[in-house]
Amino acid sequence: EGLVEMNFDLQNNNRAIFSVNIESVEINYS
């Protein structure tokens, strides 16, 4: 999941946040 919020009035006030669901992991050593 994730999103980025951009603020063009305060250009140093942008923010991004991303998450992963740990249980959704797939690995080569199943």
All heavy atoms as atom14 arrays in JSON, in Angstrom:
{
  "sequence": "EGLVEMNFDLQNNNRAIFSVNIESVEINYS",
  "atom14_mask": [
    [1, 1, 1, 1, 1, 1, 1, 1, 1, 0, 0, 0, 0, 0],
    [1, 1, 1, 1, 0, 0, 0, 0, 0, 0, 0, 0, 0, 0],
    [1, 1, 1, 1, 1, 1, 1, 1, 0, 0, 0, 0, 0, 0],
    [1, 1, 1, 1, 1, 1, 1, 0, 0, 0, 0, 0, 0, 0],
    [1, 1, 1, 1, 1, 1, 1, 1, 1, 0, 0, 0, 0, 0],
    [1, 1, 1, 1, 1, 1, 1, 1, 0, 0, 0, 0, 0, 0],
    [1, 1, 1, 1, 1, 1, 1, 1, 0, 0, 0, 0, 0, 0],
    [1, 1, 1, 1, 1, 1, 1, 1, 1, 1, 1, 0, 0, 0],
    [1, 1, 1, 1, 1, 1, 1, 1, 0, 0, 0, 0, 0, 0],
    [1, 1, 1, 1, 1, 1, 1, 1, 0, 0, 0, 0, 0, 0],
    [1, 1, 1, 1, 1, 1, 1, 1, 1, 0, 0, 0, 0, 0],
    [1, 1, 1, 1, 1, 1, 1, 1, 0, 0, 0, 0, 0, 0],
    [1, 1, 1, 1, 1, 1, 1, 1, 0, 0, 0, 0, 0, 0],
    [1, 1, 1, 1, 1, 1, 1, 1, 0, 0, 0, 0, 0, 0],
    [1, 1, 1, 1, 1, 1, 1, 1, 1, 1, 1, 0, 0, 0],
    [1, 1, 1, 1, 1, 0, 0, 0, 0, 0, 0, 0, 0, 0],
    [1, 1, 1, 1, 1, 1, 1, 1, 0, 0, 0, 0, 0, 0],
    [1, 1, 1, 1, 1, 1, 1, 1, 1, 1, 1, 0, 0, 0],
    [1, 1, 1, 1, 1, 1, 0, 0, 0, 0, 0, 0, 0, 0],
    [1, 1, 1, 1, 1, 1, 1, 0, 0, 0, 0, 0, 0, 0],
    [1, 1, 1, 1, 1, 1, 1, 1, 0, 0, 0, 0, 0, 0],
    [1, 1, 1, 1, 1, 1, 1, 1, 0, 0, 0, 0, 0, 0],
    [1, 1, 1, 1, 1, 1, 1, 1, 1, 0, 0, 0, 0, 0],
    [1, 1, 1, 1, 1, 1, 0, 0, 0, 0, 0, 0, 0, 0],
    [1, 1, 1, 1, 1, 1, 1, 0, 0, 0, 0, 0, 0, 0],
    [1, 1, 1, 1, 1, 1, 1, 1, 1, 0, 0, 0, 0, 0],
    [1, 1, 1, 1, 1, 1, 1, 1, 0, 0, 0, 0, 0, 0],
    [1, 1, 1, 1, 1, 1, 1, 1, 0, 0, 0, 0, 0, 0],
    [1, 1, 1, 1, 1, 1, 1, 1, 1, 1, 1, 1, 0, 0],
    [1, 1, 1, 1, 1, 1, 0, 0, 0, 0, 0, 0, 0, 0]
  ],
  "atom14_positions": [
    [[0.86, -1.18, 0.0], [0.0, 0.0, 0.0], [0.9, 1.23, 0.0], [2.05, 1.15, 0.44], [-0.87, 0.05, 1.27], [-1.79, -1.12, 1.48], [-3.05, -1.03, 0.64], [-3.4, 0.08, 0.18], [-3.67, -2.08, 0.43], [0.0, 0.0, 0.0], [0.0, 0.0, 0.0], [0.0, 0.0, 0.0], [0.0, 0.0, 0.0], [0.0, 0.0, 0.0]],
    [[0.39, 2.35, -0.45], [1.18, 3.57, -0.35], [0.55, 4.76, -1.02], [-0.35, 4.63, -1.84], [0.0, 0.0, 0.0], [0.0, 0.0, 0.0], [0.0, 0.0, 0.0], [0.0, 0.0, 0.0], [0.0, 0.0, 0.0], [0.0, 0.0, 0.0], [0.0, 0.0, 0.0], [0.0, 0.0, 0.0], [0.0, 0.0, 0.0], [0.0, 0.0, 0.0]],
    [[1.06, 5.9, -0.62], [0.64, 7.16, -1.23], [1.7, 8.22, -0.98], [2.54, 8.11, -0.08], [-0.72, 7.61, -0.71], [-0.89, 7.93, 0.76], [-0.56, 9.37, 1.07], [-2.32, 7.64, 1.15], [0.0, 0.0, 0.0], [0.0, 0.0, 0.0], [0.0, 0.0, 0.0], [0.0, 0.0, 0.0], [0.0, 0.0, 0.0], [0.0, 0.0, 0.0]],
    [[1.64, 9.24, -1.82], [2.51, 10.4, -1.7], [1.62, 11.62, -1.71], [0.72, 11.72, -2.54], [3.53, 10.48, -2.86], [4.36, 11.75, -2.79], [4.42, 9.25, -2.88], [0.0, 0.0, 0.0], [0.0, 0.0, 0.0], [0.0, 0.0, 0.0], [0.0, 0.0, 0.0], [0.0, 0.0, 0.0], [0.0, 0.0, 0.0], [0.0, 0.0, 0.0]],
    [[1.87, 12.53, -0.77], [1.15, 13.8, -0.77], [2.15, 14.91, -1.03], [3.18, 15.0, -0.37], [0.41, 14.01, 0.55], [-0.74, 13.03, 0.68], [-1.72, 13.4, 1.77], [-1.54, 14.39, 2.48], [-2.7, 12.68, 1.9], [0.0, 0.0, 0.0], [0.0, 0.0, 0.0], [0.0, 0.0, 0.0], [0.0, 0.0, 0.0], [0.0, 0.0, 0.0]],
    [[1.81, 15.72, -2.05], [2.68, 16.81, -2.47], [2.04, 18.14, -2.1], [0.86, 18.35, -2.35], [2.9, 16.76, -3.99], [3.47, 15.44, -4.5], [5.13, 15.1, -3.89], [6.05, 16.37, -4.72], [0.0, 0.0, 0.0], [0.0, 0.0, 0.0], [0.0, 0.0, 0.0], [0.0, 0.0, 0.0], [0.0, 0.0, 0.0], [0.0, 0.0, 0.0]],
    [[2.82, 19.03, -1.53], [2.36, 20.35, -1.14], [3.17, 21.38, -1.93], [4.35, 21.54, -1.7], [2.55, 20.55, 0.37], [1.97, 21.85, 0.84], [2.19, 22.89, 0.24], [1.22, 21.8, 1.93], [0.0, 0.0, 0.0], [0.0, 0.0, 0.0], [0.0, 0.0, 0.0], [0.0, 0.0, 0.0], [0.0, 0.0, 0.0], [0.0, 0.0, 0.0]],
    [[2.51, 22.04, -2.86], [3.23, 22.98, -3.71], [3.4, 24.35, -3.06], [4.2, 25.15, -3.52], [2.53, 23.09, -5.07], [2.63, 21.8, -5.83], [1.54, 20.96, -5.94], [3.83, 21.4, -6.4], [1.63, 19.75, -6.61], [3.94, 20.2, -7.08], [2.84, 19.38, -7.18], [0.0, 0.0, 0.0], [0.0, 0.0, 0.0], [0.0, 0.0, 0.0]],
    [[2.64, 24.63, -1.98], [2.84, 25.87, -1.25], [4.09, 25.77, -0.37], [4.91, 26.68, -0.33], [1.62, 26.19, -0.37], [0.37, 26.43, -1.2], [0.51, 26.92, -2.34], [-0.73, 26.11, -0.72], [0.0, 0.0, 0.0], [0.0, 0.0, 0.0], [0.0, 0.0, 0.0], [0.0, 0.0, 0.0], [0.0, 0.0, 0.0], [0.0, 0.0, 0.0]],
    [[4.22, 24.67, 0.33], [5.38, 24.41, 1.19], [6.11, 23.2, 0.61], [5.85, 22.07, 0.98], [4.93, 24.11, 2.62], [4.09, 25.19, 3.3], [3.5, 24.67, 4.59], [4.96, 26.41, 3.57], [0.0, 0.0, 0.0], [0.0, 0.0, 0.0], [0.0, 0.0, 0.0], [0.0, 0.0, 0.0], [0.0, 0.0, 0.0], [0.0, 0.0, 0.0]],
    [[7.03, 23.44, -0.33], [7.65, 22.34, -1.07], [8.44, 21.37, -0.2], [8.74, 20.27, -0.61], [8.53, 22.88, -2.19], [7.71, 23.47, -3.3], [8.55, 23.72, -4.54], [9.75, 23.51, -4.55], [7.91, 24.18, -5.58], [0.0, 0.0, 0.0], [0.0, 0.0, 0.0], [0.0, 0.0, 0.0], [0.0, 0.0, 0.0], [0.0, 0.0, 0.0]],
    [[8.79, 21.78, 1.01], [9.49, 20.86, 1.89], [8.53, 20.13, 2.82], [8.94, 19.5, 3.77], [10.56, 21.6, 2.71], [9.95, 22.61, 3.66], [8.79, 22.99, 3.51], [10.74, 23.06, 4.62], [0.0, 0.0, 0.0], [0.0, 0.0, 0.0], [0.0, 0.0, 0.0], [0.0, 0.0, 0.0], [0.0, 0.0, 0.0], [0.0, 0.0, 0.0]],
    [[7.24, 20.2, 2.52], [6.22, 19.58, 3.36], [5.54, 18.41, 2.63], [4.38, 18.13, 2.84], [5.18, 20.63, 3.77], [4.47, 20.26, 5.05], [4.97, 19.47, 5.85], [3.28, 20.8, 5.24], [0.0, 0.0, 0.0], [0.0, 0.0, 0.0], [0.0, 0.0, 0.0], [0.0, 0.0, 0.0], [0.0, 0.0, 0.0], [0.0, 0.0, 0.0]],
    [[6.29, 17.74, 1.75], [5.79, 16.57, 1.04], [6.0, 15.35, 1.93], [6.87, 15.35, 2.8], [6.54, 16.41, -0.28], [6.42, 17.65, -1.14], [5.34, 18.14, -1.4], [7.55, 18.17, -1.57], [0.0, 0.0, 0.0], [0.0, 0.0, 0.0], [0.0, 0.0, 0.0], [0.0, 0.0, 0.0], [0.0, 0.0, 0.0], [0.0, 0.0, 0.0]],
    [[5.22, 14.3, 1.67], [5.34, 13.11, 2.5], [4.9, 11.88, 1.72], [3.95, 11.94, 0.94], [4.49, 13.24, 3.75], [4.72, 12.12, 4.73], [4.12, 12.44, 6.05], [4.45, 11.39, 7.01], [3.92, 11.33, 8.2], [3.06, 12.24, 8.6], [4.25, 10.36, 9.03], [0.0, 0.0, 0.0], [0.0, 0.0, 0.0], [0.0, 0.0, 0.0]],
    [[5.6, 10.78, 1.95], [5.24, 9.51, 1.34], [5.27, 8.44, 2.42], [6.12, 8.48, 3.32], [6.22, 9.16, 0.23], [0.0, 0.0, 0.0], [0.0, 0.0, 0.0], [0.0, 0.0, 0.0], [0.0, 0.0, 0.0], [0.0, 0.0, 0.0], [0.0, 0.0, 0.0], [0.0, 0.0, 0.0], [0.0, 0.0, 0.0], [0.0, 0.0, 0.0]],
    [[4.34, 7.5, 2.32], [4.31, 6.38, 3.26], [3.9, 5.13, 2.5], [2.98, 5.17, 1.68], [3.38, 6.68, 4.46], [3.52, 5.61, 5.52], [1.96, 6.87, 4.03], [2.93, 6.0, 6.87], [0.0, 0.0, 0.0], [0.0, 0.0, 0.0], [0.0, 0.0, 0.0], [0.0, 0.0, 0.0], [0.0, 0.0, 0.0], [0.0, 0.0, 0.0]],
    [[4.64, 4.05, 2.75], [4.39, 2.77, 2.07], [4.42, 1.67, 3.11], [5.18, 1.72, 4.07], [5.44, 2.52, 0.99], [5.38, 3.51, -0.12], [6.14, 4.67, -0.08], [4.52, 3.31, -1.19], [6.07, 5.6, -1.09], [4.44, 4.25, -2.21], [5.21, 5.4, -2.17], [0.0, 0.0, 0.0], [0.0, 0.0, 0.0], [0.0, 0.0, 0.0]],
    [[3.61, 0.64, 2.88], [3.58, -0.49, 3.8], [3.54, -1.79, 3.01], [3.09, -1.83, 1.86], [2.37, -0.41, 4.72], [1.19, -0.61, 3.99], [0.0, 0.0, 0.0], [0.0, 0.0, 0.0], [0.0, 0.0, 0.0], [0.0, 0.0, 0.0], [0.0, 0.0, 0.0], [0.0, 0.0, 0.0], [0.0, 0.0, 0.0], [0.0, 0.0, 0.0]],
    [[4.02, -2.84, 3.66], [3.89, -4.19, 3.11], [3.22, -5.07, 4.15], [3.45, -4.91, 5.35], [5.25, -4.81, 2.69], [5.9, -4.01, 1.59], [6.18, -4.98, 3.87], [0.0, 0.0, 0.0], [0.0, 0.0, 0.0], [0.0, 0.0, 0.0], [0.0, 0.0, 0.0], [0.0, 0.0, 0.0], [0.0, 0.0, 0.0], [0.0, 0.0, 0.0]],
    [[2.4, -5.97, 3.69], [1.8, -6.99, 4.53], [2.82, -8.12, 4.61], [3.13, -8.76, 3.6], [0.48, -7.46, 3.92], [-0.16, -8.57, 4.72], [0.44, -9.2, 5.58], [-1.42, -8.84, 4.42], [0.0, 0.0, 0.0], [0.0, 0.0, 0.0], [0.0, 0.0, 0.0], [0.0, 0.0, 0.0], [0.0, 0.0, 0.0], [0.0, 0.0, 0.0]],
    [[3.37, -8.36, 5.79], [4.42, -9.36, 5.98], [3.97, -10.74, 5.49], [4.73, -11.47, 4.87], [4.86, -9.42, 7.46], [5.48, -8.09, 7.89], [5.8, -10.58, 7.71], [6.73, -7.68, 7.14], [0.0, 0.0, 0.0], [0.0, 0.0, 0.0], [0.0, 0.0, 0.0], [0.0, 0.0, 0.0], [0.0, 0.0, 0.0], [0.0, 0.0, 0.0]],
    [[2.71, -11.09, 5.75], [2.22, -12.41, 5.38], [2.17, -12.61, 3.86], [2.12, -13.74, 3.38], [0.84, -12.67, 6.0], [0.41, -14.09, 5.87], [-0.82, -14.42, 6.71], [-1.53, -13.49, 7.13], [-1.05, -15.6, 6.94], [0.0, 0.0, 0.0], [0.0, 0.0, 0.0], [0.0, 0.0, 0.0], [0.0, 0.0, 0.0], [0.0, 0.0, 0.0]],
    [[2.21, -11.55, 3.09], [2.12, -11.65, 1.63], [3.47, -11.99, 0.98], [3.55, -12.04, -0.24], [1.58, -10.34, 1.04], [2.58, -9.32, 1.07], [0.0, 0.0, 0.0], [0.0, 0.0, 0.0], [0.0, 0.0, 0.0], [0.0, 0.0, 0.0], [0.0, 0.0, 0.0], [0.0, 0.0, 0.0], [0.0, 0.0, 0.0], [0.0, 0.0, 0.0]],
    [[4.49, -12.26, 1.78], [5.82, -12.52, 1.23], [5.85, -13.85, 0.49], [5.24, -14.83, 0.92], [6.9, -12.47, 2.35], [6.79, -13.65, 3.3], [8.29, -12.38, 1.74], [0.0, 0.0, 0.0], [0.0, 0.0, 0.0], [0.0, 0.0, 0.0], [0.0, 0.0, 0.0], [0.0, 0.0, 0.0], [0.0, 0.0, 0.0], [0.0, 0.0, 0.0]],
    [[6.51, -13.84, -0.64], [6.81, -15.06, -1.38], [8.32, -15.14, -1.5], [8.96, -14.14, -1.83], [6.16, -15.04, -2.76], [4.66, -15.15, -2.72], [4.03, -15.22, -4.1], [4.76, -15.26, -5.12], [2.8, -15.23, -4.16], [0.0, 0.0, 0.0], [0.0, 0.0, 0.0], [0.0, 0.0, 0.0], [0.0, 0.0, 0.0], [0.0, 0.0, 0.0]],
    [[8.91, -16.32, -1.21], [10.35, -16.48, -1.27], [10.73, -17.72, -2.08], [9.93, -18.63, -2.25], [10.99, -16.55, 0.14], [10.45, -17.73, 0.94], [10.82, -15.25, 0.88], [11.17, -17.97, 2.25], [0.0, 0.0, 0.0], [0.0, 0.0, 0.0], [0.0, 0.0, 0.0], [0.0, 0.0, 0.0], [0.0, 0.0, 0.0], [0.0, 0.0, 0.0]],
    [[11.98, -17.71, -2.56], [12.46, -18.85, -3.35], [12.67, -20.11, -2.5], [12.65, -21.21, -3.02], [13.74, -18.49, -4.1], [14.87, -18.04, -3.2], [14.66, -17.48, -2.13], [16.1, -18.25, -3.64], [0.0, 0.0, 0.0], [0.0, 0.0, 0.0], [0.0, 0.0, 0.0], [0.0, 0.0, 0.0], [0.0, 0.0, 0.0], [0.0, 0.0, 0.0]],
    [[12.86, -19.98, -1.2], [12.95, -21.12, -0.29], [11.58, -21.34, 0.34], [11.38, -21.11, 1.53], [13.99, -20.86, 0.81], [15.42, -20.92, 0.34], [16.12, -19.76, 0.03], [16.08, -22.14, 0.21], [17.44, -19.81, -0.39], [17.4, -22.2, -0.21], [18.08, -21.03, -0.51], [19.39, -21.09, -0.92], [0.0, 0.0, 0.0], [0.0, 0.0, 0.0]],
    [[10.61, -21.82, -0.45], [9.23, -21.91, 0.02], [9.07, -22.81, 1.24], [8.16, -22.6, 2.04], [8.31, -22.36, -1.11], [8.73, -23.62, -1.61], [0.0, 0.0, 0.0], [0.0, 0.0, 0.0], [0.0, 0.0, 0.0], [0.0, 0.0, 0.0], [0.0, 0.0, 0.0], [0.0, 0.0, 0.0], [0.0, 0.0, 0.0], [0.0, 0.0, 0.0]]
  ]
}
